[in-house]
């Protein structure tokens, strides 16, 4: 039986930590995601975000690069996003 390896531990603060948010495309989707992100990482650099649209235009993913300060910050950020119907996945 293969032994499970543990993922590497994150050392905080962790600069340039990527967070991807995938949700239903809408005119206000990008501003909604940015406003929500600012609650948990107010100093993230909005100029570094990457926006991708699905081929059929139904979904939009936005990748942010934040300075992750703690496991709790990341858990709270995930919980905040995933509670909204329009968000389908947070990675």
PDB file of N, CA and C in Angstrom:
ATOM      1  N   UNK A   1       0.849  -1.172   0.000  1.00  0.00           N
ATOM      2  CA  UNK A   1       0.000   0.000   0.000  1.00  0.00           C
ATOM      3  C   UNK A   1       0.894   1.233   0.000  1.00  0.00           C
ATOM      4  N   UNK A   2       0.595   2.173  -0.906  1.00  0.00           N
ATOM      5  CA  UNK A   2       1.383   3.402  -1.004  1.00  0.00           C
ATOM      6  C   UNK A   2       1.121   4.300   0.200  1.00  0.00           C
ATOM      7  N   UNK A   3       2.182   4.904   0.674  1.00  0.00           N
ATOM      8  CA  UNK A   3       2.060   5.800   1.815  1.00  0.00           C
ATOM      9  C   UNK A   3       1.649   7.181   1.337  1.00  0.00           C
ATOM     10  N   UNK A   4       0.677   7.781   2.035  1.00  0.00           N
ATOM     11  CA  UNK A   4       0.228   9.123   1.680  1.00  0.00           C
ATOM     12  C   UNK A   4       1.276  10.140   2.106  1.00  0.00           C
ATOM     13  N   UNK A   5       1.549  11.066   1.224  1.00  0.00           N
ATOM     14  CA  UNK A   5       2.459  12.143   1.593  1.00  0.00           C
ATOM     15  C   UNK A   5       1.634  13.359   1.971  1.00  0.00           C
ATOM     16  N   UNK A   6       2.113  14.073   2.941  1.00  0.00           N
ATOM     17  CA  UNK A   6       1.440  15.272   3.401  1.00  0.00           C
ATOM     18  C   UNK A   6       1.803  16.430   2.492  1.00  0.00           C
ATOM     19  N   UNK A   7       0.825  17.313   2.185  1.00  0.00           N
ATOM     20  CA  UNK A   7       1.171  18.491   1.402  1.00  0.00           C
ATOM     21  C   UNK A   7       2.136  19.365   2.193  1.00  0.00           C
ATOM     22  N   UNK A   8       2.941  20.149   1.509  1.00  0.00           N
ATOM     23  CA  UNK A   8       3.891  20.991   2.233  1.00  0.00           C
ATOM     24  C   UNK A   8       3.155  21.996   3.120  1.00  0.00           C
ATOM     25  N   UNK A   9       3.734  22.266   4.251  1.00  0.00           N
ATOM     26  CA  UNK A   9       3.169  23.252   5.179  1.00  0.00           C
ATOM     27  C   UNK A   9       3.428  24.645   4.622  1.00  0.00           C
ATOM     28  N   UNK A  10       2.427  25.495   4.759  1.00  0.00           N
ATOM     29  CA  UNK A  10       2.583  26.879   4.335  1.00  0.00           C
ATOM     30  C   UNK A  10       3.216  27.648   5.484  1.00  0.00           C
ATOM     31  N   UNK A  11       4.236  28.409   5.177  1.00  0.00           N
ATOM     32  CA  UNK A  11       4.850  29.266   6.185  1.00  0.00           C
ATOM     33  C   UNK A  11       4.301  30.675   6.014  1.00  0.00           C
ATOM     34  N   UNK A  12       3.760  31.204   7.097  1.00  0.00           N
ATOM     35  CA  UNK A  12       3.138  32.529   7.066  1.00  0.00           C
ATOM     36  C   UNK A  12       4.085  33.581   7.617  1.00  0.00           C
ATOM     37  N   UNK A  13       4.054  34.779   7.079  1.00  0.00           N
ATOM     38  CA  UNK A  13       3.272  35.183   5.918  1.00  0.00           C
ATOM     39  C   UNK A  13       3.816  34.553   4.635  1.00  0.00           C
ATOM     40  N   UNK A  14       2.894  34.298   3.707  1.00  0.00           N
ATOM     41  CA  UNK A  14       3.243  33.651   2.438  1.00  0.00           C
ATOM     42  C   UNK A  14       2.887  34.600   1.291  1.00  0.00           C
ATOM     43  N   UNK A  15       3.878  35.330   0.773  1.00  0.00           N
ATOM     44  CA  UNK A  15       3.598  36.269  -0.320  1.00  0.00           C
ATOM     45  C   UNK A  15       3.248  35.539  -1.619  1.00  0.00           C
ATOM     46  N   UNK A  16       2.491  36.213  -2.463  1.00  0.00           N
ATOM     47  CA  UNK A  16       2.104  35.693  -3.784  1.00  0.00           C
ATOM     48  C   UNK A  16       1.344  34.371  -3.719  1.00  0.00           C
ATOM     49  N   UNK A  17       0.535  34.207  -2.685  1.00  0.00           N
ATOM     50  CA  UNK A  17      -0.286  33.002  -2.540  1.00  0.00           C
ATOM     51  C   UNK A  17      -1.463  33.123  -3.511  1.00  0.00           C
ATOM     52  N   UNK A  18      -1.631  32.155  -4.442  1.00  0.00           N
ATOM     53  CA  UNK A  18      -2.706  32.268  -5.426  1.00  0.00           C
ATOM     54  C   UNK A  18      -4.052  31.787  -4.867  1.00  0.00           C
ATOM     55  N   UNK A  19      -5.085  32.538  -5.165  1.00  0.00           N
ATOM     56  CA  UNK A  19      -6.460  32.158  -4.827  1.00  0.00           C
ATOM     57  C   UNK A  19      -7.269  32.315  -6.100  1.00  0.00           C
ATOM     58  N   UNK A  20      -7.942  31.228  -6.533  1.00  0.00           N
ATOM     59  CA  UNK A  20      -8.771  31.281  -7.737  1.00  0.00           C
ATOM     60  C   UNK A  20     -10.224  31.134  -7.332  1.00  0.00           C
ATOM     61  N   UNK A  21     -11.059  32.020  -7.849  1.00  0.00           N
ATOM     62  CA  UNK A  21     -12.493  32.017  -7.562  1.00  0.00           C
ATOM     63  C   UNK A  21     -13.221  31.839  -8.885  1.00  0.00           C
ATOM     64  N   UNK A  22     -14.033  30.783  -8.980  1.00  0.00           N
ATOM     65  CA  UNK A  22     -14.787  30.481 -10.188  1.00  0.00           C
ATOM     66  C   UNK A  22     -16.265  30.673  -9.905  1.00  0.00           C
ATOM     67  N   UNK A  23     -16.931  31.427 -10.767  1.00  0.00           N
ATOM     68  CA  UNK A  23     -18.347  31.670 -10.546  1.00  0.00           C
ATOM     69  C   UNK A  23     -19.089  31.969 -11.826  1.00  0.00           C
ATOM     70  N   UNK A  24     -20.391  32.185 -11.672  1.00  0.00           N
ATOM     71  CA  UNK A  24     -21.249  32.505 -12.803  1.00  0.00           C
ATOM     72  C   UNK A  24     -20.933  33.912 -13.307  1.00  0.00           C
ATOM     73  N   UNK A  25     -20.706  34.014 -14.588  1.00  0.00           N
ATOM     74  CA  UNK A  25     -20.363  35.305 -15.192  1.00  0.00           C
ATOM     75  C   UNK A  25     -21.533  36.275 -15.081  1.00  0.00           C
ATOM     76  N   UNK A  26     -21.218  37.531 -14.807  1.00  0.00           N
ATOM     77  CA  UNK A  26     -22.192  38.619 -14.750  1.00  0.00           C
ATOM     78  C   UNK A  26     -21.415  39.923 -14.859  1.00  0.00           C
ATOM     79  N   UNK A  27     -22.126  40.995 -15.201  1.00  0.00           N
ATOM     80  CA  UNK A  27     -21.467  42.294 -15.356  1.00  0.00           C
ATOM     81  C   UNK A  27     -20.746  42.747 -14.093  1.00  0.00           C
ATOM     82  N   UNK A  28     -21.304  42.397 -12.929  1.00  0.00           N
ATOM     83  CA  UNK A  28     -20.723  42.850 -11.656  1.00  0.00           C
ATOM     84  C   UNK A  28     -19.857  41.789 -10.976  1.00  0.00           C
ATOM     85  N   UNK A  29     -19.592  40.673 -11.666  1.00  0.00           N
ATOM     86  CA  UNK A  29     -18.863  39.568 -11.027  1.00  0.00           C
ATOM     87  C   UNK A  29     -17.474  39.999 -10.551  1.00  0.00           C
ATOM     88  N   UNK A  30     -16.716  40.663 -11.398  1.00  0.00           N
ATOM     89  CA  UNK A  30     -15.356  41.048 -11.028  1.00  0.00           C
ATOM     90  C   UNK A  30     -15.357  41.990  -9.823  1.00  0.00           C
ATOM     91  N   UNK A  31     -16.223  42.990  -9.820  1.00  0.00           N
ATOM     92  CA  UNK A  31     -16.264  43.918  -8.681  1.00  0.00           C
ATOM     93  C   UNK A  31     -16.743  43.223  -7.412  1.00  0.00           C
ATOM     94  N   UNK A  32     -17.691  42.299  -7.541  1.00  0.00           N
ATOM     95  CA  UNK A  32     -18.165  41.523  -6.393  1.00  0.00           C
ATOM     96  C   UNK A  32     -17.026  40.717  -5.767  1.00  0.00           C
ATOM     97  N   UNK A  33     -16.258  40.045  -6.608  1.00  0.00           N
ATOM     98  CA  UNK A  33     -15.157  39.212  -6.114  1.00  0.00           C
ATOM     99  C   UNK A  33     -14.061  40.083  -5.494  1.00  0.00           C
ATOM    100  N   UNK A  34     -13.736  41.203  -6.115  1.00  0.00           N
ATOM    101  CA  UNK A  34     -12.706  42.100  -5.578  1.00  0.00           C
ATOM    102  C   UNK A  34     -13.131  42.652  -4.216  1.00  0.00           C
ATOM    103  N   UNK A  35     -14.374  43.095  -4.101  1.00  0.00           N
ATOM    104  CA  UNK A  35     -14.866  43.622  -2.820  1.00  0.00           C
ATOM    105  C   UNK A  35     -14.803  42.568  -1.727  1.00  0.00           C
ATOM    106  N   UNK A  36     -15.186  41.346  -2.064  1.00  0.00           N
ATOM    107  CA  UNK A  36     -15.145  40.255  -1.086  1.00  0.00           C
ATOM    108  C   UNK A  36     -13.710  39.936  -0.705  1.00  0.00           C
ATOM    109  N   UNK A  37     -12.812  39.928  -1.676  1.00  0.00           N
ATOM    110  CA  UNK A  37     -11.402  39.639  -1.412  1.00  0.00           C
ATOM    111  C   UNK A  37     -10.798  40.698  -0.489  1.00  0.00           C
ATOM    112  N   UNK A  38     -11.187  41.941  -0.661  1.00  0.00           N
ATOM    113  CA  UNK A  38     -10.636  43.030   0.162  1.00  0.00           C
ATOM    114  C   UNK A  38     -11.001  42.876   1.647  1.00  0.00           C
ATOM    115  N   UNK A  39     -12.070  42.178   1.945  1.00  0.00           N
ATOM    116  CA  UNK A  39     -12.447  41.929   3.343  1.00  0.00           C
ATOM    117  C   UNK A  39     -11.356  41.118   4.040  1.00  0.00           C
ATOM    118  N   UNK A  40     -10.793  40.153   3.323  1.00  0.00           N
ATOM    119  CA  UNK A  40      -9.850  39.203   3.929  1.00  0.00           C
ATOM    120  C   UNK A  40      -8.387  39.480   3.592  1.00  0.00           C
ATOM    121  N   UNK A  41      -8.157  40.227   2.539  1.00  0.00           N
ATOM    122  CA  UNK A  41      -6.776  40.576   2.139  1.00  0.00           C
ATOM    123  C   UNK A  41      -6.796  41.989   1.585  1.00  0.00           C
ATOM    124  N   UNK A  42      -6.978  42.980   2.467  1.00  0.00           N
ATOM    125  CA  UNK A  42      -7.175  44.359   2.015  1.00  0.00           C
ATOM    126  C   UNK A  42      -6.010  44.951   1.231  1.00  0.00           C
ATOM    127  N   UNK A  43      -4.824  44.389   1.366  1.00  0.00           N
ATOM    128  CA  UNK A  43      -3.663  44.971   0.689  1.00  0.00           C
ATOM    129  C   UNK A  43      -3.248  44.218  -0.576  1.00  0.00           C
ATOM    130  N   UNK A  44      -4.121  43.325  -1.100  1.00  0.00           N
ATOM    131  CA  UNK A  44      -3.717  42.599  -2.301  1.00  0.00           C
ATOM    132  C   UNK A  44      -3.620  43.565  -3.480  1.00  0.00           C
ATOM    133  N   UNK A  45      -2.779  43.212  -4.443  1.00  0.00           N
ATOM    134  CA  UNK A  45      -2.513  44.070  -5.602  1.00  0.00           C
ATOM    135  C   UNK A  45      -3.492  43.724  -6.726  1.00  0.00           C
ATOM    136  N   UNK A  46      -4.463  44.575  -6.930  1.00  0.00           N
ATOM    137  CA  UNK A  46      -5.504  44.322  -7.931  1.00  0.00           C
ATOM    138  C   UNK A  46      -4.933  44.285  -9.351  1.00  0.00           C
ATOM    139  N   UNK A  47      -3.769  44.875  -9.572  1.00  0.00           N
ATOM    140  CA  UNK A  47      -3.171  44.863 -10.908  1.00  0.00           C
ATOM    141  C   UNK A  47      -2.617  43.488 -11.278  1.00  0.00           C
ATOM    142  N   UNK A  48      -2.463  42.602 -10.299  1.00  0.00           N
ATOM    143  CA  UNK A  48      -1.925  41.264 -10.566  1.00  0.00           C
ATOM    144  C   UNK A  48      -3.007  40.211 -10.809  1.00  0.00           C
ATOM    145  N   UNK A  49      -4.281  40.584 -10.743  1.00  0.00           N
ATOM    146  CA  UNK A  49      -5.301  39.562 -10.905  1.00  0.00           C
ATOM    147  C   UNK A  49      -5.404  39.110 -12.356  1.00  0.00           C
ATOM    148  N   UNK A  50      -5.812  37.859 -12.521  1.00  0.00           N
ATOM    149  CA  UNK A  50      -5.969  37.261 -13.849  1.00  0.00           C
ATOM    150  C   UNK A  50      -7.429  36.848 -13.998  1.00  0.00           C
ATOM    151  N   UNK A  51      -8.047  37.283 -15.087  1.00  0.00           N
ATOM    152  CA  UNK A  51      -9.452  36.984 -15.344  1.00  0.00           C
ATOM    153  C   UNK A  51      -9.540  36.100 -16.579  1.00  0.00           C
ATOM    154  N   UNK A  52     -10.277  34.991 -16.470  1.00  0.00           N
ATOM    155  CA  UNK A  52     -10.496  34.085 -17.602  1.00  0.00           C
ATOM    156  C   UNK A  52     -11.986  33.789 -17.704  1.00  0.00           C
ATOM    157  N   UNK A  53     -12.465  33.725 -18.941  1.00  0.00           N
ATOM    158  CA  UNK A  53     -13.871  33.426 -19.204  1.00  0.00           C
ATOM    159  C   UNK A  53     -13.965  32.053 -19.866  1.00  0.00           C
ATOM    160  N   UNK A  54     -15.004  31.303 -19.517  1.00  0.00           N
ATOM    161  CA  UNK A  54     -15.195  30.005 -20.154  1.00  0.00           C
ATOM    162  C   UNK A  54     -15.543  30.210 -21.622  1.00  0.00           C
ATOM    163  N   UNK A  55     -15.367  29.171 -22.420  1.00  0.00           N
ATOM    164  CA  UNK A  55     -15.583  29.290 -23.859  1.00  0.00           C
ATOM    165  C   UNK A  55     -17.024  29.658 -24.209  1.00  0.00           C
ATOM    166  N   UNK A  56     -17.971  29.245 -23.375  1.00  0.00           N
ATOM    167  CA  UNK A  56     -19.367  29.577 -23.649  1.00  0.00           C
ATOM    168  C   UNK A  56     -19.818  30.850 -22.923  1.00  0.00           C
ATOM    169  N   UNK A  57     -18.914  31.456 -22.142  1.00  0.00           N
ATOM    170  CA  UNK A  57     -19.220  32.708 -21.459  1.00  0.00           C
ATOM    171  C   UNK A  57     -20.069  32.571 -20.210  1.00  0.00           C
ATOM    172  N   UNK A  58     -20.310  31.351 -19.784  1.00  0.00           N
ATOM    173  CA  UNK A  58     -21.164  31.131 -18.610  1.00  0.00           C
ATOM    174  C   UNK A  58     -20.420  31.359 -17.293  1.00  0.00           C
ATOM    175  N   UNK A  59     -19.127  31.061 -17.279  1.00  0.00           N
ATOM    176  CA  UNK A  59     -18.337  31.149 -16.053  1.00  0.00           C
ATOM    177  C   UNK A  59     -17.155  32.109 -16.232  1.00  0.00           C
ATOM    178  N   UNK A  60     -16.745  32.687 -15.110  1.00  0.00           N
ATOM    179  CA  UNK A  60     -15.549  33.520 -15.078  1.00  0.00           C
ATOM    180  C   UNK A  60     -14.713  33.076 -13.887  1.00  0.00           C
ATOM    181  N   UNK A  61     -13.406  32.943 -14.105  1.00  0.00           N
ATOM    182  CA  UNK A  61     -12.504  32.666 -12.984  1.00  0.00           C
ATOM    183  C   UNK A  61     -11.587  33.870 -12.811  1.00  0.00           C
ATOM    184  N   UNK A  62     -11.336  34.186 -11.550  1.00  0.00           N
ATOM    185  CA  UNK A  62     -10.428  35.280 -11.225  1.00  0.00           C
ATOM    186  C   UNK A  62      -9.380  34.725 -10.275  1.00  0.00           C
ATOM    187  N   UNK A  63      -8.115  34.909 -10.627  1.00  0.00           N
ATOM    188  CA  UNK A  63      -7.017  34.474  -9.775  1.00  0.00           C
ATOM    189  C   UNK A  63      -6.374  35.706  -9.155  1.00  0.00           C
ATOM    190  N   UNK A  64      -6.246  35.672  -7.829  1.00  0.00           N
ATOM    191  CA  UNK A  64      -5.621  36.743  -7.058  1.00  0.00           C
ATOM    192  C   UNK A  64      -4.320  36.223  -6.490  1.00  0.00           C
ATOM    193  N   UNK A  65      -3.417  37.119  -6.203  1.00  0.00           N
ATOM    194  CA  UNK A  65      -2.189  36.771  -5.512  1.00  0.00           C
ATOM    195  C   UNK A  65      -2.143  37.639  -4.263  1.00  0.00           C
ATOM    196  N   UNK A  66      -2.242  36.992  -3.101  1.00  0.00           N
ATOM    197  CA  UNK A  66      -2.286  37.713  -1.833  1.00  0.00           C
ATOM    198  C   UNK A  66      -1.096  37.324  -0.975  1.00  0.00           C
ATOM    199  N   UNK A  67      -0.892  38.075   0.080  1.00  0.00           N
ATOM    200  CA  UNK A  67       0.027  37.647   1.119  1.00  0.00           C
ATOM    201  C   UNK A  67      -0.826  36.943   2.158  1.00  0.00           C
ATOM    202  N   UNK A  68      -0.757  35.616   2.157  1.00  0.00           N
ATOM    203  CA  UNK A  68      -1.526  34.823   3.117  1.00  0.00           C
ATOM    204  C   UNK A  68      -0.881  34.984   4.488  1.00  0.00           C
ATOM    205  N   UNK A  69      -1.687  35.369   5.468  1.00  0.00           N
ATOM    206  CA  UNK A  69      -1.142  35.642   6.795  1.00  0.00           C
ATOM    207  C   UNK A  69      -1.392  34.526   7.798  1.00  0.00           C
ATOM    208  N   UNK A  70      -2.380  33.656   7.527  1.00  0.00           N
ATOM    209  CA  UNK A  70      -2.667  32.560   8.460  1.00  0.00           C
ATOM    210  C   UNK A  70      -3.622  31.550   7.824  1.00  0.00           C
ATOM    211  N   UNK A  71      -3.676  30.376   8.401  1.00  0.00           N
ATOM    212  CA  UNK A  71      -4.628  29.359   7.963  1.00  0.00           C
ATOM    213  C   UNK A  71      -6.055  29.862   8.162  1.00  0.00           C
ATOM    214  N   UNK A  72      -6.284  30.572   9.260  1.00  0.00           N
ATOM    215  CA  UNK A  72      -7.619  31.114   9.543  1.00  0.00           C
ATOM    216  C   UNK A  72      -8.042  32.105   8.460  1.00  0.00           C
ATOM    217  N   UNK A  73      -7.134  32.946   8.020  1.00  0.00           N
ATOM    218  CA  UNK A  73      -7.451  33.899   6.956  1.00  0.00           C
ATOM    219  C   UNK A  73      -7.930  33.148   5.712  1.00  0.00           C
ATOM    220  N   UNK A  74      -7.210  32.108   5.330  1.00  0.00           N
ATOM    221  CA  UNK A  74      -7.567  31.347   4.132  1.00  0.00           C
ATOM    222  C   UNK A  74      -8.899  30.618   4.315  1.00  0.00           C
ATOM    223  N   UNK A  75      -9.134  30.063   5.494  1.00  0.00           N
ATOM    224  CA  UNK A  75     -10.405  29.390   5.766  1.00  0.00           C
ATOM    225  C   UNK A  75     -11.564  30.378   5.730  1.00  0.00           C
ATOM    226  N   UNK A  76     -11.380  31.550   6.339  1.00  0.00           N
ATOM    227  CA  UNK A  76     -12.430  32.573   6.351  1.00  0.00           C
ATOM    228  C   UNK A  76     -12.724  33.075   4.942  1.00  0.00           C
ATOM    229  N   UNK A  77     -11.693  33.279   4.158  1.00  0.00           N
ATOM    230  CA  UNK A  77     -11.845  33.731   2.779  1.00  0.00           C
ATOM    231  C   UNK A  77     -12.654  32.709   1.983  1.00  0.00           C
ATOM    232  N   UNK A  78     -12.293  31.433   2.113  1.00  0.00           N
ATOM    233  CA  UNK A  78     -13.002  30.365   1.412  1.00  0.00           C
ATOM    234  C   UNK A  78     -14.465  30.319   1.847  1.00  0.00           C
ATOM    235  N   UNK A  79     -14.711  30.378   3.145  1.00  0.00           N
ATOM    236  CA  UNK A  79     -16.080  30.324   3.673  1.00  0.00           C
ATOM    237  C   UNK A  79     -16.913  31.507   3.177  1.00  0.00           C
ATOM    238  N   UNK A  80     -16.305  32.676   3.127  1.00  0.00           N
ATOM    239  CA  UNK A  80     -17.001  33.885   2.658  1.00  0.00           C
ATOM    240  C   UNK A  80     -17.460  33.716   1.212  1.00  0.00           C
ATOM    241  N   UNK A  81     -16.571  33.236   0.350  1.00  0.00           N
ATOM    242  CA  UNK A  81     -16.923  33.081  -1.061  1.00  0.00           C
ATOM    243  C   UNK A  81     -17.927  31.968  -1.287  1.00  0.00           C
ATOM    244  N   UNK A  82     -17.697  30.824  -0.692  1.00  0.00           N
ATOM    245  CA  UNK A  82     -18.482  29.634  -1.014  1.00  0.00           C
ATOM    246  C   UNK A  82     -19.942  29.751  -0.542  1.00  0.00           C
ATOM    247  N   UNK A  83     -20.230  30.693   0.351  1.00  0.00           N
ATOM    248  CA  UNK A  83     -21.607  30.859   0.817  1.00  0.00           C
ATOM    249  C   UNK A  83     -22.507  31.528  -0.227  1.00  0.00           C
ATOM    250  N   UNK A  84     -21.922  32.141  -1.241  1.00  0.00           N
ATOM    251  CA  UNK A  84     -22.692  32.818  -2.281  1.00  0.00           C
ATOM    252  C   UNK A  84     -23.065  31.851  -3.399  1.00  0.00           C
ATOM    253  N   UNK A  85     -24.317  31.903  -3.830  1.00  0.00           N
ATOM    254  CA  UNK A  85     -24.804  31.011  -4.897  1.00  0.00           C
ATOM    255  C   UNK A  85     -24.014  31.168  -6.195  1.00  0.00           C
ATOM    256  N   UNK A  86     -23.558  32.374  -6.467  1.00  0.00           N
ATOM    257  CA  UNK A  86     -22.906  32.621  -7.750  1.00  0.00           C
ATOM    258  C   UNK A  86     -21.475  32.057  -7.803  1.00  0.00           C
ATOM    259  N   UNK A  87     -20.903  31.724  -6.650  1.00  0.00           N
ATOM    260  CA  UNK A  87     -19.547  31.148  -6.614  1.00  0.00           C
ATOM    261  C   UNK A  87     -19.667  29.633  -6.647  1.00  0.00           C
ATOM    262  N   UNK A  88     -18.952  29.018  -7.577  1.00  0.00           N
ATOM    263  CA  UNK A  88     -19.017  27.564  -7.739  1.00  0.00           C
ATOM    264  C   UNK A  88     -17.804  26.842  -7.156  1.00  0.00           C
ATOM    265  N   UNK A  89     -16.659  27.528  -7.098  1.00  0.00           N
ATOM    266  CA  UNK A  89     -15.454  26.867  -6.604  1.00  0.00           C
ATOM    267  C   UNK A  89     -14.433  27.911  -6.155  1.00  0.00           C
ATOM    268  N   UNK A  90     -13.698  27.589  -5.091  1.00  0.00           N
ATOM    269  CA  UNK A  90     -12.588  28.418  -4.618  1.00  0.00           C
ATOM    270  C   UNK A  90     -11.390  27.493  -4.457  1.00  0.00           C
ATOM    271  N   UNK A  91     -10.288  27.862  -5.096  1.00  0.00           N
ATOM    272  CA  UNK A  91      -9.090  27.019  -5.039  1.00  0.00           C
ATOM    273  C   UNK A  91      -7.921  27.847  -4.548  1.00  0.00           C
TER     274      UNK A  91
END
